[in-house]
Amino acid sequence: MKPYIIEEHEGGLLVFTINRPEKRNAINYEVMDGLEEALSKAENESVKVLVITGAGDQAFCSGGDLSSFHHLKTEMEAFVMLSRMAGLLKNLFFLPKPTVALLNGTAVGGGCELAAACDFRIAKSGTRAGFIQGTLAITTGWGGGTMLMEKLLPANAMKMLMEACLYPTEELVGLGFVHSVYEGKALEGCRSFLHKMLLLESDVLKAYKELTVKKWKTNEVDERIEQEVRRCALLWEGEPHHRQVDRFMNK
């Protein structure tokens, strides 16, 4: 089974689905390849909006696949992996098209970083999400912390990062992390949220997105993400992180 699906839907929607429900849609290197492919296709004139979601109805994305990354022990080994995914999320963040994280289920750790890189977050009723990286003795390492600071009120972003816990849907809305909640089928909920936007020409949507991108570049997001990745890589090498990962893997 291919670990990702890329489909172009009527009305200008390009949907990238992480297709690993048995792994709670955790990200491995193949999923990274798929995201890179989707970002390239999103540049096509026919695409108005890029939507990212997960297969099944349990998880949007559970973050990095520890079974794939558990062998990374040193700061440099971690930095190579973290840098690659951070680069992809940065490209998603700066993509000159609107982007949507369609949270069809739980979003954990790196899954929240993926969601934070998108312009809008739409969640299924009952969804829980949180940046739980701190419980593994590391910080966000794919640039999600920096992106969250650009999207939320600073105090709300700090709360989500520092509490390292899962929040229910209602609290995610209150924090400003989730913009809309849907019932029923995911894609229908997404279309309902995007209905008015999809009536506009692609060039109009692109022009408005570029206004936001210019602001983010002025705020030195590139440099701040680089620093975030390096801090995480340093913590990754530490014994507390390896101890917590071993405990998680041996559950």
C-alpha atoms as a PDB file:
ATOM      1  CA  MET A   1       0.000   0.000   0.000  1.00  0.00           C
ATOM      2  CA  LYS A   2       1.391   3.375  -1.014  1.00  0.00           C
ATOM      3  CA  PRO A   3       1.997   5.544   2.097  1.00  0.00           C
ATOM      4  CA  TYR A   4       0.413   8.606   0.531  1.00  0.00           C
ATOM      5  CA  ILE A   5      -2.246   9.561  -1.992  1.00  0.00           C
ATOM      6  CA  ILE A   6      -2.351  12.708  -4.138  1.00  0.00           C
ATOM      7  CA  GLU A   7      -5.642  13.515  -5.844  1.00  0.00           C
ATOM      8  CA  GLU A   8      -6.917  16.572  -7.679  1.00  0.00           C
ATOM      9  CA  HIS A   9     -10.624  17.164  -7.059  1.00  0.00           C
ATOM     10  CA  GLU A  10     -13.205  19.292  -8.813  1.00  0.00           C
ATOM     11  CA  GLY A  11     -13.083  23.012  -8.112  1.00  0.00           C
ATOM     12  CA  GLY A  12      -9.333  23.322  -7.729  1.00  0.00           C
ATOM     13  CA  LEU A  13      -8.706  21.169  -4.641  1.00  0.00           C
ATOM     14  CA  LEU A  14      -5.469  19.185  -4.487  1.00  0.00           C
ATOM     15  CA  VAL A  15      -5.668  16.684  -1.619  1.00  0.00           C
ATOM     16  CA  PHE A  16      -2.593  15.052  -0.094  1.00  0.00           C
ATOM     17  CA  THR A  17      -3.483  12.126   2.172  1.00  0.00           C
ATOM     18  CA  ILE A  18      -1.032  10.387   4.486  1.00  0.00           C
ATOM     19  CA  ASN A  19      -2.076   6.772   3.880  1.00  0.00           C
ATOM     20  CA  ARG A  20      -0.696   4.931   6.901  1.00  0.00           C
ATOM     21  CA  PRO A  21      -3.743   4.445   9.158  1.00  0.00           C
ATOM     22  CA  GLU A  22      -2.160   1.377  10.764  1.00  0.00           C
ATOM     23  CA  LYS A  23       0.633   3.690  11.988  1.00  0.00           C
ATOM     24  CA  ARG A  24      -1.783   6.493  12.891  1.00  0.00           C
ATOM     25  CA  ASN A  25      -0.506   8.260   9.753  1.00  0.00           C
ATOM     26  CA  ALA A  26       2.975   8.762  11.176  1.00  0.00           C
ATOM     27  CA  ILE A  27       5.497  10.452   8.899  1.00  0.00           C
ATOM     28  CA  ASN A  28       8.425   8.478   7.508  1.00  0.00           C
ATOM     29  CA  TYR A  29      10.812   9.223   4.647  1.00  0.00           C
ATOM     30  CA  GLU A  30       8.353   7.967   2.011  1.00  0.00           C
ATOM     31  CA  VAL A  31       5.681  10.348   3.285  1.00  0.00           C
ATOM     32  CA  MET A  32       8.238  13.147   3.036  1.00  0.00           C
ATOM     33  CA  ASP A  33       8.764  12.186  -0.614  1.00  0.00           C
ATOM     34  CA  GLY A  34       5.018  12.355  -1.153  1.00  0.00           C
ATOM     35  CA  LEU A  35       4.691  15.770   0.456  1.00  0.00           C
ATOM     36  CA  GLU A  36       7.461  17.047  -1.782  1.00  0.00           C
ATOM     37  CA  GLU A  37       5.548  15.733  -4.811  1.00  0.00           C
ATOM     38  CA  ALA A  38       2.306  17.334  -3.629  1.00  0.00           C
ATOM     39  CA  LEU A  39       3.972  20.703  -3.104  1.00  0.00           C
ATOM     40  CA  SER A  40       5.290  20.564  -6.644  1.00  0.00           C
ATOM     41  CA  LYS A  41       1.841  19.740  -8.047  1.00  0.00           C
ATOM     42  CA  ALA A  42       0.259  22.512  -5.990  1.00  0.00           C
ATOM     43  CA  GLU A  43       2.116  25.027  -8.154  1.00  0.00           C
ATOM     44  CA  ASN A  44      -0.051  24.015 -11.145  1.00  0.00           C
ATOM     45  CA  GLU A  45      -2.434  26.698 -12.412  1.00  0.00           C
ATOM     46  CA  SER A  46      -5.435  24.384 -11.959  1.00  0.00           C
ATOM     47  CA  VAL A  47      -4.866  24.147  -8.189  1.00  0.00           C
ATOM     48  CA  LYS A  48      -6.565  26.732  -5.992  1.00  0.00           C
ATOM     49  CA  VAL A  49      -6.115  25.133  -2.566  1.00  0.00           C
ATOM     50  CA  LEU A  50      -3.850  22.394  -1.168  1.00  0.00           C
ATOM     51  CA  VAL A  51      -5.533  20.210   1.456  1.00  0.00           C
ATOM     52  CA  ILE A  52      -3.575  17.872   3.735  1.00  0.00           C
ATOM     53  CA  THR A  53      -5.291  15.090   5.664  1.00  0.00           C
ATOM     54  CA  GLY A  54      -4.859  11.539   6.952  1.00  0.00           C
ATOM     55  CA  ALA A  55      -6.423   8.228   5.965  1.00  0.00           C
ATOM     56  CA  GLY A  56      -9.136   6.708   8.137  1.00  0.00           C
ATOM     57  CA  ASP A  57     -11.070   8.414  10.906  1.00  0.00           C
ATOM     58  CA  GLN A  58      -8.741   8.015  13.889  1.00  0.00           C
ATOM     59  CA  ALA A  59      -5.659  10.139  13.218  1.00  0.00           C
ATOM     60  CA  PHE A  60      -4.659  13.095  11.102  1.00  0.00           C
ATOM     61  CA  CYS A  61      -0.987  12.523  11.850  1.00  0.00           C
ATOM     62  CA  SER A  62       0.829  11.194  14.905  1.00  0.00           C
ATOM     63  CA  GLY A  63       4.083  12.958  14.054  1.00  0.00           C
ATOM     64  CA  GLY A  64       7.355  11.324  13.165  1.00  0.00           C
ATOM     65  CA  ASP A  65       7.422   7.531  12.946  1.00  0.00           C
ATOM     66  CA  LEU A  66       9.666   6.559  15.845  1.00  0.00           C
ATOM     67  CA  SER A  67      10.267   3.136  14.318  1.00  0.00           C
ATOM     68  CA  SER A  68      11.841   4.935  11.340  1.00  0.00           C
ATOM     69  CA  PHE A  69      13.779   7.547  13.308  1.00  0.00           C
ATOM     70  CA  HIS A  70      14.673   5.615  16.490  1.00  0.00           C
ATOM     71  CA  HIS A  71      18.124   4.775  15.117  1.00  0.00           C
ATOM     72  CA  LEU A  72      19.041   8.466  14.921  1.00  0.00           C
ATOM     73  CA  LYS A  73      21.179   9.052  17.996  1.00  0.00           C
ATOM     74  CA  THR A  74      23.572  11.950  17.453  1.00  0.00           C
ATOM     75  CA  GLU A  75      22.880  15.631  16.995  1.00  0.00           C
ATOM     76  CA  MET A  76      24.049  15.516  13.378  1.00  0.00           C
ATOM     77  CA  GLU A  77      21.991  12.418  12.510  1.00  0.00           C
ATOM     78  CA  ALA A  78      18.900  14.084  13.937  1.00  0.00           C
ATOM     79  CA  PHE A  79      19.678  17.389  12.235  1.00  0.00           C
ATOM     80  CA  VAL A  80      19.701  15.787   8.772  1.00  0.00           C
ATOM     81  CA  MET A  81      16.219  14.310   9.251  1.00  0.00           C
ATOM     82  CA  LEU A  82      14.804  17.363  11.025  1.00  0.00           C
ATOM     83  CA  SER A  83      16.180  19.713   8.371  1.00  0.00           C
ATOM     84  CA  ARG A  84      14.589  17.795   5.554  1.00  0.00           C
ATOM     85  CA  MET A  85      11.108  17.843   7.070  1.00  0.00           C
ATOM     86  CA  ALA A  86      11.519  21.438   8.235  1.00  0.00           C
ATOM     87  CA  GLY A  87      12.393  22.383   4.663  1.00  0.00           C
ATOM     88  CA  LEU A  88       9.215  20.743   3.385  1.00  0.00           C
ATOM     89  CA  LEU A  89       7.057  22.432   6.018  1.00  0.00           C
ATOM     90  CA  LYS A  90       8.699  25.751   5.244  1.00  0.00           C
ATOM     91  CA  ASN A  91       7.796  25.288   1.574  1.00  0.00           C
ATOM     92  CA  LEU A  92       4.248  24.469   2.653  1.00  0.00           C
ATOM     93  CA  PHE A  93       4.189  27.533   4.912  1.00  0.00           C
ATOM     94  CA  PHE A  94       5.358  29.827   2.083  1.00  0.00           C
ATOM     95  CA  LEU A  95       3.349  28.117  -0.682  1.00  0.00           C
ATOM     96  CA  PRO A  96       1.688  30.888  -2.746  1.00  0.00           C
ATOM     97  CA  LYS A  97      -1.692  29.129  -2.526  1.00  0.00           C
ATOM     98  CA  PRO A  98      -4.078  28.743   0.425  1.00  0.00           C
ATOM     99  CA  THR A  99      -3.472  25.558   2.407  1.00  0.00           C
ATOM    100  CA  VAL A 100      -5.744  23.586   4.736  1.00  0.00           C
ATOM    101  CA  ALA A 101      -5.001  20.971   7.384  1.00  0.00           C
ATOM    102  CA  LEU A 102      -8.094  18.764   7.416  1.00  0.00           C
ATOM    103  CA  LEU A 103      -7.908  17.169  10.853  1.00  0.00           C
ATOM    104  CA  ASN A 104      -9.875  13.946  10.426  1.00  0.00           C
ATOM    105  CA  GLY A 105      -8.617  12.697  13.799  1.00  0.00           C
ATOM    106  CA  THR A 106      -5.932  13.182  16.422  1.00  0.00           C
ATOM    107  CA  ALA A 107      -2.929  15.378  15.615  1.00  0.00           C
ATOM    108  CA  VAL A 108       0.092  14.779  17.833  1.00  0.00           C
ATOM    109  CA  GLY A 109       3.597  16.249  17.969  1.00  0.00           C
ATOM    110  CA  GLY A 110       4.934  16.597  14.453  1.00  0.00           C
ATOM    111  CA  GLY A 111       1.365  16.190  13.210  1.00  0.00           C
ATOM    112  CA  CYS A 112       0.575  19.512  14.883  1.00  0.00           C
ATOM    113  CA  GLU A 113       3.659  21.028  13.238  1.00  0.00           C
ATOM    114  CA  LEU A 114       2.305  19.887   9.869  1.00  0.00           C
ATOM    115  CA  ALA A 115      -1.053  21.451  10.723  1.00  0.00           C
ATOM    116  CA  ALA A 116       0.582  24.672  11.925  1.00  0.00           C
ATOM    117  CA  ALA A 117       2.314  25.066   8.566  1.00  0.00           C
ATOM    118  CA  CYS A 118      -1.107  25.295   6.872  1.00  0.00           C
ATOM    119  CA  ASP A 119      -3.119  28.509   6.638  1.00  0.00           C
ATOM    120  CA  PHE A 120      -6.332  26.984   7.989  1.00  0.00           C
ATOM    121  CA  ARG A 121      -7.118  24.074  10.283  1.00  0.00           C
ATOM    122  CA  ILE A 122     -10.514  22.343  10.063  1.00  0.00           C
ATOM    123  CA  ALA A 123     -11.225  19.627  12.623  1.00  0.00           C
ATOM    124  CA  LYS A 124     -13.704  16.793  12.934  1.00  0.00           C
ATOM    125  CA  SER A 125     -15.855  17.152  16.032  1.00  0.00           C
ATOM    126  CA  GLY A 126     -14.147  15.308  18.881  1.00  0.00           C
ATOM    127  CA  THR A 127     -10.629  15.801  17.528  1.00  0.00           C
ATOM    128  CA  ARG A 128      -7.801  16.202  20.020  1.00  0.00           C
ATOM    129  CA  ALA A 129      -4.448  17.749  19.205  1.00  0.00           C
ATOM    130  CA  GLY A 130      -1.279  18.887  20.945  1.00  0.00           C
ATOM    131  CA  PHE A 131       2.436  19.560  20.688  1.00  0.00           C
ATOM    132  CA  ILE A 132       3.575  16.740  23.000  1.00  0.00           C
ATOM    133  CA  GLN A 133       7.258  16.926  22.016  1.00  0.00           C
ATOM    134  CA  GLY A 134       8.206  18.156  25.477  1.00  0.00           C
ATOM    135  CA  THR A 135       7.158  14.824  26.971  1.00  0.00           C
ATOM    136  CA  LEU A 136       9.940  13.239  24.866  1.00  0.00           C
ATOM    137  CA  ALA A 137      12.477  15.743  26.235  1.00  0.00           C
ATOM    138  CA  ILE A 138      12.773  17.618  22.916  1.00  0.00           C
ATOM    139  CA  THR A 139      11.191  20.691  21.352  1.00  0.00           C
ATOM    140  CA  THR A 140       9.424  21.119  18.037  1.00  0.00           C
ATOM    141  CA  GLY A 141      12.036  20.316  15.405  1.00  0.00           C
ATOM    142  CA  TRP A 142      10.327  20.791  12.052  1.00  0.00           C
ATOM    143  CA  GLY A 143       9.784  24.528  12.422  1.00  0.00           C
ATOM    144  CA  GLY A 144       6.293  24.167  13.868  1.00  0.00           C
ATOM    145  CA  GLY A 145       7.010  26.230  16.958  1.00  0.00           C
ATOM    146  CA  THR A 146       8.101  29.209  14.898  1.00  0.00           C
ATOM    147  CA  MET A 147       5.103  28.821  12.578  1.00  0.00           C
ATOM    148  CA  LEU A 148       2.712  28.553  15.530  1.00  0.00           C
ATOM    149  CA  MET A 149       4.055  31.836  16.906  1.00  0.00           C
ATOM    150  CA  GLU A 150       3.147  33.482  13.585  1.00  0.00           C
ATOM    151  CA  LYS A 151      -0.368  32.021  13.540  1.00  0.00           C
ATOM    152  CA  LEU A 152      -1.581  32.340  17.157  1.00  0.00           C
ATOM    153  CA  LEU A 153      -1.442  34.933  19.887  1.00  0.00           C
ATOM    154  CA  PRO A 154       2.031  34.452  21.468  1.00  0.00           C
ATOM    155  CA  ALA A 155       0.612  33.498  24.870  1.00  0.00           C
ATOM    156  CA  ASN A 156      -1.628  30.848  23.295  1.00  0.00           C
ATOM    157  CA  ALA A 157       1.259  29.471  21.245  1.00  0.00           C
ATOM    158  CA  MET A 158       3.468  29.307  24.341  1.00  0.00           C
ATOM    159  CA  LYS A 159       0.696  27.537  26.262  1.00  0.00           C
ATOM    160  CA  MET A 160       0.331  24.866  23.582  1.00  0.00           C
ATOM    161  CA  LEU A 161       4.080  24.294  23.329  1.00  0.00           C
ATOM    162  CA  MET A 162       4.914  24.409  27.039  1.00  0.00           C
ATOM    163  CA  GLU A 163       2.014  22.336  28.359  1.00  0.00           C
ATOM    164  CA  ALA A 164       2.845  19.505  25.912  1.00  0.00           C
ATOM    165  CA  CYS A 165      -0.605  17.957  26.192  1.00  0.00           C
ATOM    166  CA  LEU A 166      -3.623  17.136  24.048  1.00  0.00           C
ATOM    167  CA  TYR A 167      -6.517  19.602  23.918  1.00  0.00           C
ATOM    168  CA  PRO A 168     -10.164  18.874  23.053  1.00  0.00           C
ATOM    169  CA  THR A 169     -11.751  20.458  19.998  1.00  0.00           C
ATOM    170  CA  GLU A 170     -13.468  23.259  21.900  1.00  0.00           C
ATOM    171  CA  GLU A 171     -10.221  24.391  23.524  1.00  0.00           C
ATOM    172  CA  LEU A 172      -8.372  24.207  20.193  1.00  0.00           C
ATOM    173  CA  VAL A 173     -10.962  26.604  18.770  1.00  0.00           C
ATOM    174  CA  GLY A 174     -10.578  28.917  21.753  1.00  0.00           C
ATOM    175  CA  LEU A 175      -6.795  28.952  21.361  1.00  0.00           C
ATOM    176  CA  GLY A 176      -7.164  29.890  17.695  1.00  0.00           C
ATOM    177  CA  PHE A 177      -5.544  26.689  16.451  1.00  0.00           C
ATOM    178  CA  VAL A 178      -8.721  25.337  14.830  1.00  0.00           C
ATOM    179  CA  HIS A 179     -10.795  27.627  12.604  1.00  0.00           C
ATOM    180  CA  SER A 180     -13.820  25.428  11.931  1.00  0.00           C
ATOM    181  CA  VAL A 181     -15.353  22.172  13.185  1.00  0.00           C
ATOM    182  CA  TYR A 182     -17.236  19.744  10.939  1.00  0.00           C
ATOM    183  CA  GLU A 183     -19.491  16.741  11.359  1.00  0.00           C
ATOM    184  CA  GLY A 184     -19.818  13.951   8.814  1.00  0.00           C
ATOM    185  CA  LYS A 185     -17.533  13.433   5.834  1.00  0.00           C
ATOM    186  CA  ALA A 186     -14.171  15.201   5.906  1.00  0.00           C
ATOM    187  CA  LEU A 187     -14.026  16.444   2.335  1.00  0.00           C
ATOM    188  CA  GLU A 188     -17.574  17.782   2.533  1.00  0.00           C
ATOM    189  CA  GLY A 189     -16.663  19.681   5.684  1.00  0.00           C
ATOM    190  CA  CYS A 190     -13.615  21.063   3.930  1.00  0.00           C
ATOM    191  CA  ARG A 191     -15.618  22.163   0.888  1.00  0.00           C
ATOM    192  CA  SER A 192     -18.183  23.860   3.110  1.00  0.00           C
ATOM    193  CA  PHE A 193     -15.439  25.885   4.807  1.00  0.00           C
ATOM    194  CA  LEU A 194     -13.780  26.800   1.498  1.00  0.00           C
ATOM    195  CA  HIS A 195     -16.973  27.409  -0.477  1.00  0.00           C
ATOM    196  CA  LYS A 196     -16.648  31.193  -0.847  1.00  0.00           C
ATOM    197  CA  MET A 197     -12.890  31.087  -1.479  1.00  0.00           C
ATOM    198  CA  LEU A 198     -13.248  28.552  -4.270  1.00  0.00           C
ATOM    199  CA  LEU A 199     -15.585  30.941  -6.105  1.00  0.00           C
ATOM    200  CA  LEU A 200     -12.633  33.302  -6.656  1.00  0.00           C
ATOM    201  CA  GLU A 201     -10.004  33.053  -9.361  1.00  0.00           C
ATOM    202  CA  SER A 202      -6.764  31.304  -8.462  1.00  0.00           C
ATOM    203  CA  ASP A 203      -4.724  34.459  -9.127  1.00  0.00           C
ATOM    204  CA  VAL A 204      -6.791  36.404  -6.582  1.00  0.00           C
ATOM    205  CA  LEU A 205      -6.212  33.795  -3.878  1.00  0.00           C
ATOM    206  CA  LYS A 206      -2.531  33.681  -4.757  1.00  0.00           C
ATOM    207  CA  ALA A 207      -2.168  37.472  -4.527  1.00  0.00           C
ATOM    208  CA  TYR A 208      -3.671  37.555  -1.040  1.00  0.00           C
ATOM    209  CA  LYS A 209      -1.510  34.665   0.142  1.00  0.00           C
ATOM    210  CA  GLU A 210       1.580  36.479  -1.115  1.00  0.00           C
ATOM    211  CA  LEU A 211       0.738  39.476   1.103  1.00  0.00           C
ATOM    212  CA  THR A 212       0.991  37.163   4.107  1.00  0.00           C
ATOM    213  CA  VAL A 213       4.149  35.469   2.844  1.00  0.00           C
ATOM    214  CA  LYS A 214       5.879  38.856   2.542  1.00  0.00           C
ATOM    215  CA  LYS A 215       5.050  39.625   6.166  1.00  0.00           C
ATOM    216  CA  TRP A 216       6.437  36.276   7.323  1.00  0.00           C
ATOM    217  CA  LYS A 217       9.659  36.788   5.393  1.00  0.00           C
ATOM    218  CA  THR A 218      10.052  40.222   6.982  1.00  0.00           C
ATOM    219  CA  ASN A 219       9.709  38.496  10.365  1.00  0.00           C
ATOM    220  CA  GLU A 220      12.792  36.358   9.553  1.00  0.00           C
ATOM    221  CA  VAL A 221      10.883  33.092   9.759  1.00  0.00           C
ATOM    222  CA  ASP A 222      13.595  31.313   7.726  1.00  0.00           C
ATOM    223  CA  GLU A 223      16.322  32.089  10.263  1.00  0.00           C
ATOM    224  CA  ARG A 224      14.111  31.311  13.246  1.00  0.00           C
ATOM    225  CA  ILE A 225      13.185  27.900  11.850  1.00  0.00           C
ATOM    226  CA  GLU A 226      16.874  27.103  11.322  1.00  0.00           C
ATOM    227  CA  GLN A 227      17.564  27.941  14.983  1.00  0.00           C
ATOM    228  CA  GLU A 228      14.585  25.851  16.096  1.00  0.00           C
ATOM    229  CA  VAL A 229      15.830  22.809  14.169  1.00  0.00           C
ATOM    230  CA  ARG A 230      19.326  23.147  15.651  1.00  0.00           C
ATOM    231  CA  ARG A 231      17.971  23.405  19.211  1.00  0.00           C
ATOM    232  CA  CYS A 232      15.882  20.284  18.739  1.00  0.00           C
ATOM    233  CA  ALA A 233      18.816  18.352  17.242  1.00  0.00           C
ATOM    234  CA  LEU A 234      20.929  19.228  20.275  1.00  0.00           C
ATOM    235  CA  LEU A 235      18.229  17.988  22.670  1.00  0.00           C
ATOM    236  CA  TRP A 236      17.697  14.885  20.507  1.00  0.00           C
ATOM    237  CA  GLU A 237      21.236  13.711  21.292  1.00  0.00           C
ATOM    238  CA  GLY A 238      20.637  13.981  25.036  1.00  0.00           C
ATOM    239  CA  GLU A 239      20.083  11.003  27.313  1.00  0.00           C
ATOM    240  CA  PRO A 240      16.684  12.274  28.562  1.00  0.00           C
ATOM    241  CA  HIS A 241      15.276  12.080  25.021  1.00  0.00           C
ATOM    242  CA  HIS A 242      16.623   8.603  24.324  1.00  0.00           C
ATOM    243  CA  ARG A 243      15.318   7.405  27.683  1.00  0.00           C
ATOM    244  CA  GLN A 244      11.817   8.724  26.957  1.00  0.00           C
ATOM    245  CA  VAL A 245      11.780   7.234  23.444  1.00  0.00           C
ATOM    246  CA  ASP A 246      12.885   3.825  24.782  1.00  0.00           C
ATOM    247  CA  ARG A 247      10.114   3.987  27.355  1.00  0.00           C
ATOM    248  CA  PHE A 248       7.571   4.825  24.642  1.00  0.00           C
ATOM    249  CA  MET A 249       8.814   2.085  22.290  1.00  0.00           C
ATOM    250  CA  ASN A 250       8.683  -0.527  25.061  1.00  0.00           C
ATOM    251  CA  LYS A 251       5.100   0.218  26.104  1.00  0.00           C
END
